[in-house]
PDB file of N, CA and C in Angstrom:
ATOM      1  N   MET A   1     150.476  46.523 126.136  1.00  0.00           N
ATOM      2  CA  MET A   1     149.294  46.484 127.162  1.00  0.00           C
ATOM      3  C   MET A   1     149.967  46.855 128.519  1.00  0.00           C
ATOM      4  N   SER A   2     149.205  47.683 129.046  1.00  0.00           N
ATOM      5  CA  SER A   2     149.808  47.997 130.591  1.00  0.00           C
ATOM      6  C   SER A   2     149.467  47.002 131.500  1.00  0.00           C
ATOM      7  N   MET A   3     150.169  47.177 132.662  1.00  0.00           N
ATOM      8  CA  MET A   3     149.707  46.164 133.681  1.00  0.00           C
ATOM      9  C   MET A   3     148.435  46.426 134.315  1.00  0.00           C
ATOM     10  N   VAL A   4     147.890  47.558 134.121  1.00  0.00           N
ATOM     11  CA  VAL A   4     146.505  47.882 134.673  1.00  0.00           C
ATOM     12  C   VAL A   4     145.431  46.717 133.958  1.00  0.00           C
ATOM     13  N   TYR A   5     145.724  46.827 132.435  1.00  0.00           N
ATOM     14  CA  TYR A   5     144.834  46.118 131.529  1.00  0.00           C
ATOM     15  C   TYR A   5     145.053  44.552 131.861  1.00  0.00           C
ATOM     16  N   ILE A   6     146.279  44.233 132.192  1.00  0.00           N
ATOM     17  CA  ILE A   6     146.711  42.920 132.295  1.00  0.00           C
ATOM     18  C   ILE A   6     145.995  42.265 133.751  1.00  0.00           C
ATOM     19  N   ASN A   7     146.042  43.083 134.652  1.00  0.00           N
ATOM     20  CA  ASN A   7     145.434  42.757 135.912  1.00  0.00           C
ATOM     21  C   ASN A   7     143.867  42.730 135.879  1.00  0.00           C
ATOM     22  N   ILE A   8     143.282  43.530 135.299  1.00  0.00           N
ATOM     23  CA  ILE A   8     141.771  43.553 135.018  1.00  0.00           C
ATOM     24  C   ILE A   8     141.415  42.285 134.087  1.00  0.00           C
ATOM     25  N   PHE A   9     142.166  42.124 133.086  1.00  0.00           N
ATOM     26  CA  PHE A   9     141.951  40.743 132.405  1.00  0.00           C
ATOM     27  C   PHE A   9     142.026  39.452 133.203  1.00  0.00           C
ATOM     28  N   LEU A  10     143.192  39.618 134.057  1.00  0.00           N
ATOM     29  CA  LEU A  10     143.201  38.357 134.962  1.00  0.00           C
ATOM     30  C   LEU A  10     142.305  38.242 135.844  1.00  0.00           C
ATOM     31  N   ALA A  11     141.769  39.364 136.310  1.00  0.00           N
ATOM     32  CA  ALA A  11     140.528  39.393 137.380  1.00  0.00           C
ATOM     33  C   ALA A  11     139.271  38.666 136.527  1.00  0.00           C
ATOM     34  N   PHE A  12     139.114  39.139 135.185  1.00  0.00           N
ATOM     35  CA  PHE A  12     137.948  38.597 134.559  1.00  0.00           C
ATOM     36  C   PHE A  12     138.095  37.131 134.266  1.00  0.00           C
ATOM     37  N   THR A  13     139.344  36.861 133.909  1.00  0.00           N
ATOM     38  CA  THR A  13     139.752  35.121 133.740  1.00  0.00           C
ATOM     39  C   THR A  13     139.401  34.462 134.730  1.00  0.00           C
ATOM     40  N   LEU A  14     139.954  34.944 135.981  1.00  0.00           N
ATOM     41  CA  LEU A  14     139.892  34.285 137.452  1.00  0.00           C
ATOM     42  C   LEU A  14     138.313  34.205 137.799  1.00  0.00           C
ATOM     43  N   SER A  15     137.674  35.238 137.415  1.00  0.00           N
ATOM     44  CA  SER A  15     136.092  35.168 137.815  1.00  0.00           C
ATOM     45  C   SER A  15     135.569  34.062 136.801  1.00  0.00           C
ATOM     46  N   PHE A  16     135.828  34.117 135.443  1.00  0.00           N
ATOM     47  CA  PHE A  16     135.112  33.184 134.624  1.00  0.00           C
ATOM     48  C   PHE A  16     135.637  31.734 134.879  1.00  0.00           C
ATOM     49  N   MET A  17     136.800  31.509 135.342  1.00  0.00           N
ATOM     50  CA  MET A  17     137.269  30.135 135.629  1.00  0.00           C
ATOM     51  C   MET A  17     136.573  29.657 136.995  1.00  0.00           C
ATOM     52  N   GLY A  18     136.440  30.652 137.998  1.00  0.00           N
ATOM     53  CA  GLY A  18     135.531  30.276 139.121  1.00  0.00           C
ATOM     54  C   GLY A  18     134.279  29.774 138.718  1.00  0.00           C
ATOM     55  N   LEU A  19     133.479  30.682 137.852  1.00  0.00           N
ATOM     56  CA  LEU A  19     132.321  30.244 137.288  1.00  0.00           C
ATOM     57  C   LEU A  19     132.186  28.744 136.735  1.00  0.00           C
ATOM     58  N   LEU A  20     133.269  28.467 136.250  1.00  0.00           N
ATOM     59  CA  LEU A  20     133.081  27.127 135.448  1.00  0.00           C
ATOM     60  C   LEU A  20     133.495  26.142 136.721  1.00  0.00           C
ATOM     61  N   ILE A  21     134.310  26.475 137.566  1.00  0.00           N
ATOM     62  CA  ILE A  21     134.565  25.410 138.479  1.00  0.00           C
ATOM     63  C   ILE A  21     133.596  25.309 139.625  1.00  0.00           C
ATOM     64  N   TYR A  22     133.152  26.533 140.195  1.00  0.00           N
ATOM     65  CA  TYR A  22     132.218  26.415 141.257  1.00  0.00           C
ATOM     66  C   TYR A  22     130.850  26.355 140.898  1.00  0.00           C
ATOM     67  N   ARG A  23     130.278  25.836 139.865  1.00  0.00           N
ATOM     68  CA  ARG A  23     129.075  25.972 139.324  1.00  0.00           C
ATOM     69  C   ARG A  23     127.767  25.243 139.990  1.00  0.00           C
ATOM     70  N   SER A  24     128.219  24.457 140.922  1.00  0.00           N
ATOM     71  CA  SER A  24     127.286  23.558 141.477  1.00  0.00           C
ATOM     72  C   SER A  24     126.306  24.479 142.625  1.00  0.00           C
ATOM     73  N   HIS A  25     126.950  25.395 143.231  1.00  0.00           N
ATOM     74  CA  HIS A  25     126.130  26.289 143.921  1.00  0.00           C
ATOM     75  C   HIS A  25     125.698  27.554 143.425  1.00  0.00           C
ATOM     76  N   LEU A  26     124.571  27.989 143.588  1.00  0.00           N
ATOM     77  CA  LEU A  26     124.090  29.257 143.028  1.00  0.00           C
ATOM     78  C   LEU A  26     124.835  30.307 143.577  1.00  0.00           C
ATOM     79  N   MET A  27     124.995  30.264 144.832  1.00  0.00           N
ATOM     80  CA  MET A  27     125.744  31.625 145.520  1.00  0.00           C
ATOM     81  C   MET A  27     127.001  31.753 144.764  1.00  0.00           C
ATOM     82  N   SER A  28     127.844  30.657 144.687  1.00  0.00           N
ATOM     83  CA  SER A  28     129.289  30.969 144.068  1.00  0.00           C
ATOM     84  C   SER A  28     129.030  31.407 142.816  1.00  0.00           C
ATOM     85  N   SER A  29     128.042  30.755 142.061  1.00  0.00           N
ATOM     86  CA  SER A  29     127.899  31.341 140.613  1.00  0.00           C
ATOM     87  C   SER A  29     127.558  32.807 140.438  1.00  0.00           C
ATOM     88  N   LEU A  30     126.824  33.223 141.485  1.00  0.00           N
ATOM     89  CA  LEU A  30     126.409  34.563 141.362  1.00  0.00           C
ATOM     90  C   LEU A  30     127.724  35.469 141.816  1.00  0.00           C
ATOM     91  N   LEU A  31     128.285  35.083 142.830  1.00  0.00           N
ATOM     92  CA  LEU A  31     129.661  35.972 143.238  1.00  0.00           C
ATOM     93  C   LEU A  31     130.579  36.091 142.016  1.00  0.00           C
ATOM     94  N   CYS A  32     130.751  34.813 141.319  1.00  0.00           N
ATOM     95  CA  CYS A  32     131.777  34.924 140.020  1.00  0.00           C
ATOM     96  C   CYS A  32     131.235  35.870 138.974  1.00  0.00           C
ATOM     97  N   LEU A  33     129.929  35.743 138.672  1.00  0.00           N
ATOM     98  CA  LEU A  33     129.281  36.740 137.876  1.00  0.00           C
ATOM     99  C   LEU A  33     129.609  38.097 138.098  1.00  0.00           C
ATOM    100  N   GLU A  34     129.309  38.445 139.519  1.00  0.00           N
ATOM    101  CA  GLU A  34     129.662  39.859 139.808  1.00  0.00           C
ATOM    102  C   GLU A  34     130.979  40.326 139.753  1.00  0.00           C
ATOM    103  N   GLY A  35     131.923  39.367 139.956  1.00  0.00           N
ATOM    104  CA  GLY A  35     133.273  39.665 139.866  1.00  0.00           C
ATOM    105  C   GLY A  35     133.661  39.838 138.441  1.00  0.00           C
ATOM    106  N   MET A  36     132.975  39.230 137.485  1.00  0.00           N
ATOM    107  CA  MET A  36     133.171  39.410 136.081  1.00  0.00           C
ATOM    108  C   MET A  36     132.545  40.831 135.723  1.00  0.00           C
ATOM    109  N   MET A  37     131.486  41.038 136.230  1.00  0.00           N
ATOM    110  CA  MET A  37     130.795  42.266 135.708  1.00  0.00           C
ATOM    111  C   MET A  37     131.604  43.563 136.459  1.00  0.00           C
ATOM    112  N   LEU A  38     132.163  43.371 137.636  1.00  0.00           N
ATOM    113  CA  LEU A  38     133.178  44.402 138.297  1.00  0.00           C
ATOM    114  C   LEU A  38     134.250  44.642 137.273  1.00  0.00           C
ATOM    115  N   SER A  39     134.981  43.606 136.963  1.00  0.00           N
ATOM    116  CA  SER A  39     136.199  43.779 136.211  1.00  0.00           C
ATOM    117  C   SER A  39     135.843  44.314 134.610  1.00  0.00           C
ATOM    118  N   LEU A  40     134.699  44.053 134.230  1.00  0.00           N
ATOM    119  CA  LEU A  40     134.235  44.707 132.867  1.00  0.00           C
ATOM    120  C   LEU A  40     133.959  46.139 133.252  1.00  0.00           C
ATOM    121  N   PHE A  41     133.368  46.504 134.214  1.00  0.00           N
ATOM    122  CA  PHE A  41     133.124  48.109 134.652  1.00  0.00           C
ATOM    123  C   PHE A  41     134.562  48.775 134.730  1.00  0.00           C
ATOM    124  N   ILE A  42     135.302  48.258 135.428  1.00  0.00           N
ATOM    125  CA  ILE A  42     136.714  48.808 135.656  1.00  0.00           C
ATOM    126  C   ILE A  42     137.338  48.984 134.143  1.00  0.00           C
ATOM    127  N   MET A  43     137.352  47.837 133.471  1.00  0.00           N
ATOM    128  CA  MET A  43     137.922  47.872 132.047  1.00  0.00           C
ATOM    129  C   MET A  43     137.403  49.085 131.265  1.00  0.00           C
ATOM    130  N   MET A  44     136.073  49.189 131.205  1.00  0.00           N
ATOM    131  CA  MET A  44     135.291  50.260 130.454  1.00  0.00           C
ATOM    132  C   MET A  44     135.775  51.411 130.882  1.00  0.00           C
ATOM    133  N   THR A  45     135.808  51.700 132.393  1.00  0.00           N
ATOM    134  CA  THR A  45     136.114  53.093 132.789  1.00  0.00           C
ATOM    135  C   THR A  45     137.304  53.570 132.439  1.00  0.00           C
ATOM    136  N   VAL A  46     138.410  52.609 132.671  1.00  0.00           N
ATOM    137  CA  VAL A  46     139.979  52.953 132.352  1.00  0.00           C
ATOM    138  C   VAL A  46     140.087  53.086 131.015  1.00  0.00           C
ATOM    139  N   THR A  47     139.436  52.328 130.211  1.00  0.00           N
ATOM    140  CA  THR A  47     139.574  52.659 128.563  1.00  0.00           C
ATOM    141  C   THR A  47     139.009  54.072 128.185  1.00  0.00           C
ATOM    142  N   ILE A  48     137.888  54.450 128.756  1.00  0.00           N
ATOM    143  CA  ILE A  48     137.281  55.544 128.324  1.00  0.00           C
ATOM    144  C   ILE A  48     138.065  56.742 128.736  1.00  0.00           C
ATOM    145  N   LEU A  49     138.709  56.660 130.122  1.00  0.00           N
ATOM    146  CA  LEU A  49     139.460  57.649 130.816  1.00  0.00           C
ATOM    147  C   LEU A  49     140.639  57.801 129.838  1.00  0.00           C
ATOM    148  N   ALA A  50     141.508  56.716 129.435  1.00  0.00           N
ATOM    149  CA  ALA A  50     142.513  56.778 128.932  1.00  0.00           C
ATOM    150  C   ALA A  50     142.685  57.270 127.549  1.00  0.00           C
ATOM    151  N   ASN A  51     141.406  57.007 126.813  1.00  0.00           N
ATOM    152  CA  ASN A  51     141.167  57.561 125.348  1.00  0.00           C
ATOM    153  C   ASN A  51     140.401  58.684 125.274  1.00  0.00           C
ATOM    154  N   HIS A  52     139.979  59.259 126.307  1.00  0.00           N
ATOM    155  CA  HIS A  52     139.184  60.565 126.388  1.00  0.00           C
ATOM    156  C   HIS A  52     137.859  60.377 125.418  1.00  0.00           C
ATOM    157  N   PHE A  53     137.104  59.357 125.603  1.00  0.00           N
ATOM    158  CA  PHE A  53     135.839  59.243 124.898  1.00  0.00           C
ATOM    159  C   PHE A  53     134.812  59.961 125.567  1.00  0.00           C
ATOM    160  N   THR A  54     134.434  61.169 125.043  1.00  0.00           N
ATOM    161  CA  THR A  54     133.494  62.062 125.670  1.00  0.00           C
ATOM    162  C   THR A  54     132.124  61.606 125.538  1.00  0.00           C
ATOM    163  N   LEU A  55     131.846  60.704 124.412  1.00  0.00           N
ATOM    164  CA  LEU A  55     130.521  60.257 124.151  1.00  0.00           C
ATOM    165  C   LEU A  55     130.145  58.961 124.668  1.00  0.00           C
ATOM    166  N   ALA A  56     131.106  58.365 125.284  1.00  0.00           N
ATOM    167  CA  ALA A  56     130.813  56.892 126.023  1.00  0.00           C
ATOM    168  C   ALA A  56     130.948  56.938 127.477  1.00  0.00           C
ATOM    169  N   ASN A  57     130.943  58.337 127.981  1.00  0.00           N
ATOM    170  CA  ASN A  57     130.994  58.316 129.521  1.00  0.00           C
ATOM    171  C   ASN A  57     129.974  57.815 130.140  1.00  0.00           C
ATOM    172  N   MET A  58     128.685  57.642 129.575  1.00  0.00           N
ATOM    173  CA  MET A  58     127.669  56.939 130.439  1.00  0.00           C
ATOM    174  C   MET A  58     127.454  55.153 130.205  1.00  0.00           C
ATOM    175  N   ALA A  59     128.424  54.868 129.353  1.00  0.00           N
ATOM    176  CA  ALA A  59     128.475  53.436 129.179  1.00  0.00           C
ATOM    177  C   ALA A  59     128.861  52.482 130.531  1.00  0.00           C
ATOM    178  N   PRO A  60     129.880  53.045 131.400  1.00  0.00           N
ATOM    179  CA  PRO A  60     129.936  52.235 132.635  1.00  0.00           C
ATOM    180  C   PRO A  60     128.721  52.377 133.607  1.00  0.00           C
ATOM    181  N   ILE A  61     128.151  53.378 133.472  1.00  0.00           N
ATOM    182  CA  ILE A  61     127.065  53.660 134.399  1.00  0.00           C
ATOM    183  C   ILE A  61     125.768  52.731 134.024  1.00  0.00           C
ATOM    184  N   VAL A  62     125.466  52.496 132.778  1.00  0.00           N
ATOM    185  CA  VAL A  62     124.760  51.515 132.148  1.00  0.00           C
ATOM    186  C   VAL A  62     124.954  50.036 132.437  1.00  0.00           C
ATOM    187  N   LEU A  63     126.321  49.831 132.268  1.00  0.00           N
ATOM    188  CA  LEU A  63     126.880  48.342 132.799  1.00  0.00           C
ATOM    189  C   LEU A  63     126.533  48.316 134.205  1.00  0.00           C
ATOM    190  N   LEU A  64     126.846  49.130 135.172  1.00  0.00           N
ATOM    191  CA  LEU A  64     126.475  49.085 136.528  1.00  0.00           C
ATOM    192  C   LEU A  64     124.947  48.867 136.749  1.00  0.00           C
ATOM    193  N   VAL A  65     124.078  49.480 136.116  1.00  0.00           N
ATOM    194  CA  VAL A  65     122.743  49.400 136.183  1.00  0.00           C
ATOM    195  C   VAL A  65     122.228  47.915 135.875  1.00  0.00           C
ATOM    196  N   PHE A  66     122.800  47.429 134.792  1.00  0.00           N
ATOM    197  CA  PHE A  66     122.549  46.129 134.548  1.00  0.00           C
ATOM    198  C   PHE A  66     123.088  45.181 135.414  1.00  0.00           C
ATOM    199  N   ALA A  67     124.234  45.058 136.104  1.00  0.00           N
ATOM    200  CA  ALA A  67     124.729  44.540 137.032  1.00  0.00           C
ATOM    201  C   ALA A  67     124.055  44.411 138.277  1.00  0.00           C
ATOM    202  N   ALA A  68     123.433  45.574 138.596  1.00  0.00           N
ATOM    203  CA  ALA A  68     122.526  45.797 139.876  1.00  0.00           C
ATOM    204  C   ALA A  68     121.227  44.869 139.604  1.00  0.00           C
ATOM    205  N   CYS A  69     120.781  44.970 138.329  1.00  0.00           N
ATOM    206  CA  CYS A  69     119.427  44.135 138.162  1.00  0.00           C
ATOM    207  C   CYS A  69     119.666  42.837 138.210  1.00  0.00           C
ATOM    208  N   GLU A  70     120.904  42.311 137.462  1.00  0.00           N
ATOM    209  CA  GLU A  70     121.306  40.984 137.487  1.00  0.00           C
ATOM    210  C   GLU A  70     121.472  40.385 138.931  1.00  0.00           C
ATOM    211  N   ALA A  71     122.001  41.360 139.845  1.00  0.00           N
ATOM    212  CA  ALA A  71     122.283  41.005 141.106  1.00  0.00           C
ATOM    213  C   ALA A  71     120.834  40.799 141.979  1.00  0.00           C
ATOM    214  N   ALA A  72     120.115  41.494 141.771  1.00  0.00           N
ATOM    215  CA  ALA A  72     118.871  41.579 142.290  1.00  0.00           C
ATOM    216  C   ALA A  72     117.962  40.382 141.866  1.00  0.00           C
ATOM    217  N   LEU A  73     117.904  40.049 140.543  1.00  0.00           N
ATOM    218  CA  LEU A  73     117.339  38.945 140.207  1.00  0.00           C
ATOM    219  C   LEU A  73     118.085  37.592 140.664  1.00  0.00           C
ATOM    220  N   GLY A  74     119.166  37.625 140.754  1.00  0.00           N
ATOM    221  CA  GLY A  74     120.022  36.287 141.270  1.00  0.00           C
ATOM    222  C   GLY A  74     119.776  36.242 142.825  1.00  0.00           C
ATOM    223  N   LEU A  75     119.763  37.283 143.416  1.00  0.00           N
ATOM    224  CA  LEU A  75     119.413  36.851 144.762  1.00  0.00           C
ATOM    225  C   LEU A  75     118.064  36.502 145.126  1.00  0.00           C
ATOM    226  N   SER A  76     116.922  37.084 144.179  1.00  0.00           N
ATOM    227  CA  SER A  76     115.635  36.691 144.535  1.00  0.00           C
ATOM    228  C   SER A  76     115.609  35.146 143.980  1.00  0.00           C
ATOM    229  N   LEU A  77     116.194  34.758 142.912  1.00  0.00           N
ATOM    230  CA  LEU A  77     116.202  33.387 142.795  1.00  0.00           C
ATOM    231  C   LEU A  77     116.784  32.588 143.654  1.00  0.00           C
ATOM    232  N   LEU A  78     117.923  32.964 144.369  1.00  0.00           N
ATOM    233  CA  LEU A  78     118.546  32.145 145.475  1.00  0.00           C
ATOM    234  C   LEU A  78     117.642  32.118 146.679  1.00  0.00           C
ATOM    235  N   VAL A  79     116.999  33.136 146.970  1.00  0.00           N
ATOM    236  CA  VAL A  79     116.040  32.948 148.151  1.00  0.00           C
ATOM    237  C   VAL A  79     114.880  32.040 147.815  1.00  0.00           C
ATOM    238  N   MET A  80     114.402  32.271 146.539  1.00  0.00           N
ATOM    239  CA  MET A  80     113.157  31.247 146.338  1.00  0.00           C
ATOM    240  C   MET A  80     113.717  29.840 146.230  1.00  0.00           C
ATOM    241  N   VAL A  81     114.711  29.580 145.573  1.00  0.00           N
ATOM    242  CA  VAL A  81     115.333  28.173 145.530  1.00  0.00           C
ATOM    243  C   VAL A  81     115.735  27.538 147.045  1.00  0.00           C
ATOM    244  N   SER A  82     116.453  28.372 147.760  1.00  0.00           N
ATOM    245  CA  SER A  82     116.554  27.930 149.167  1.00  0.00           C
ATOM    246  C   SER A  82     115.652  27.962 150.004  1.00  0.00           C
ATOM    247  N   ASN A  83     114.539  28.581 149.865  1.00  0.00           N
ATOM    248  CA  ASN A  83     113.138  28.378 150.637  1.00  0.00           C
ATOM    249  C   ASN A  83     112.428  27.200 150.117  1.00  0.00           C
ATOM    250  N   THR A  84     112.483  26.895 148.838  1.00  0.00           N
ATOM    251  CA  THR A  84     111.740  25.901 148.203  1.00  0.00           C
ATOM    252  C   THR A  84     112.406  24.424 148.491  1.00  0.00           C
ATOM    253  N   TYR A  85     113.523  24.392 148.148  1.00  0.00           N
ATOM    254  CA  TYR A  85     114.416  23.111 148.175  1.00  0.00           C
ATOM    255  C   TYR A  85     115.378  22.961 149.595  1.00  0.00           C
ATOM    256  N   GLY A  86     115.780  23.994 150.174  1.00  0.00           N
ATOM    257  CA  GLY A  86     116.405  23.755 151.387  1.00  0.00           C
ATOM    258  C   GLY A  86     117.924  23.934 151.040  1.00  0.00           C
ATOM    259  N   THR A  87     118.368  24.042 149.854  1.00  0.00           N
ATOM    260  CA  THR A  87     119.576  24.044 149.462  1.00  0.00           C
ATOM    261  C   THR A  87     119.808  25.086 148.249  1.00  0.00           C
ATOM    262  N   ASP A  88     121.267  25.345 147.760  1.00  0.00           N
ATOM    263  CA  ASP A  88     121.286  26.360 146.754  1.00  0.00           C
ATOM    264  C   ASP A  88     121.881  25.666 145.415  1.00  0.00           C
ATOM    265  N   TYR A  89     121.798  24.606 145.370  1.00  0.00           N
ATOM    266  CA  TYR A  89     122.324  23.741 144.228  1.00  0.00           C
ATOM    267  C   TYR A  89     121.622  24.184 142.899  1.00  0.00           C
ATOM    268  N   VAL A  90     122.579  24.365 141.927  1.00  0.00           N
ATOM    269  CA  VAL A  90     122.014  24.737 140.785  1.00  0.00           C
ATOM    270  C   VAL A  90     121.309  23.780 139.915  1.00  0.00           C
ATOM    271  N   GLN A  91     121.392  22.306 140.238  1.00  0.00           N
ATOM    272  CA  GLN A  91     120.862  21.139 139.689  1.00  0.00           C
ATOM    273  C   GLN A  91     119.256  21.164 139.959  1.00  0.00           C
ATOM    274  N   ASN A  92     118.716  21.883 141.074  1.00  0.00           N
ATOM    275  CA  ASN A  92     117.483  22.041 141.520  1.00  0.00           C
ATOM    276  C   ASN A  92     116.843  23.234 140.508  1.00  0.00           C
ATOM    277  N   LEU A  93     117.465  23.881 139.805  1.00  0.00           N
ATOM    278  CA  LEU A  93     116.787  24.713 138.689  1.00  0.00           C
ATOM    279  C   LEU A  93     116.289  24.141 137.458  1.00  0.00           C
ATOM    280  N   ASN A  94     115.435  23.220 137.483  1.00  0.00           N
ATOM    281  CA  ASN A  94     114.950  22.565 136.302  1.00  0.00           C
ATOM    282  C   ASN A  94     113.591  22.981 136.032  1.00  0.00           C
ATOM    283  N   LEU A  95     113.541  23.617 134.845  1.00  0.00           N
ATOM    284  CA  LEU A  95     112.194  24.288 134.291  1.00  0.00           C
ATOM    285  C   LEU A  95     111.195  23.206 134.132  1.00  0.00           C
ATOM    286  N   LEU A  96     111.547  22.007 133.878  1.00  0.00           N
ATOM    287  CA  LEU A  96     110.474  20.960 133.706  1.00  0.00           C
ATOM    288  C   LEU A  96     109.678  20.604 135.119  1.00  0.00           C
ATOM    289  N   GLN A  97     110.152  20.999 136.157  1.00  0.00           N
ATOM    290  CA  GLN A  97     109.616  20.693 137.538  1.00  0.00           C
ATOM    291  C   GLN A  97     108.565  21.615 137.814  1.00  0.00           C
ATOM    292  N   CYS A  98     108.452  22.678 137.178  1.00  0.00           N
ATOM    293  CA  CYS A  98     107.534  23.924 137.570  1.00  0.00           C
ATOM    294  C   CYS A  98     106.041  23.523 137.364  1.00  0.00           C
TER     295      CYS A  98
END
């Protein structure tokens, strides 16, 4: 396993650990999720380029599209929660209160 793969896996693991540790605020959770998606994108791109997969060249672009949709939904949820409750705590996201 090369150093590039180890560094990308370490970035994914650190983002996942950040998601587990800083899960009380919605903004911190969204940033950790974006870090995870970015490391997955880089891992897919490096793997496809290293192994010369010609049929899978669109896979990283599709992952970026899903990451952009996730970021847009997350930011809209953050704006809605912060306008409604005044804070960005994840504990305010209770579906039974709607």
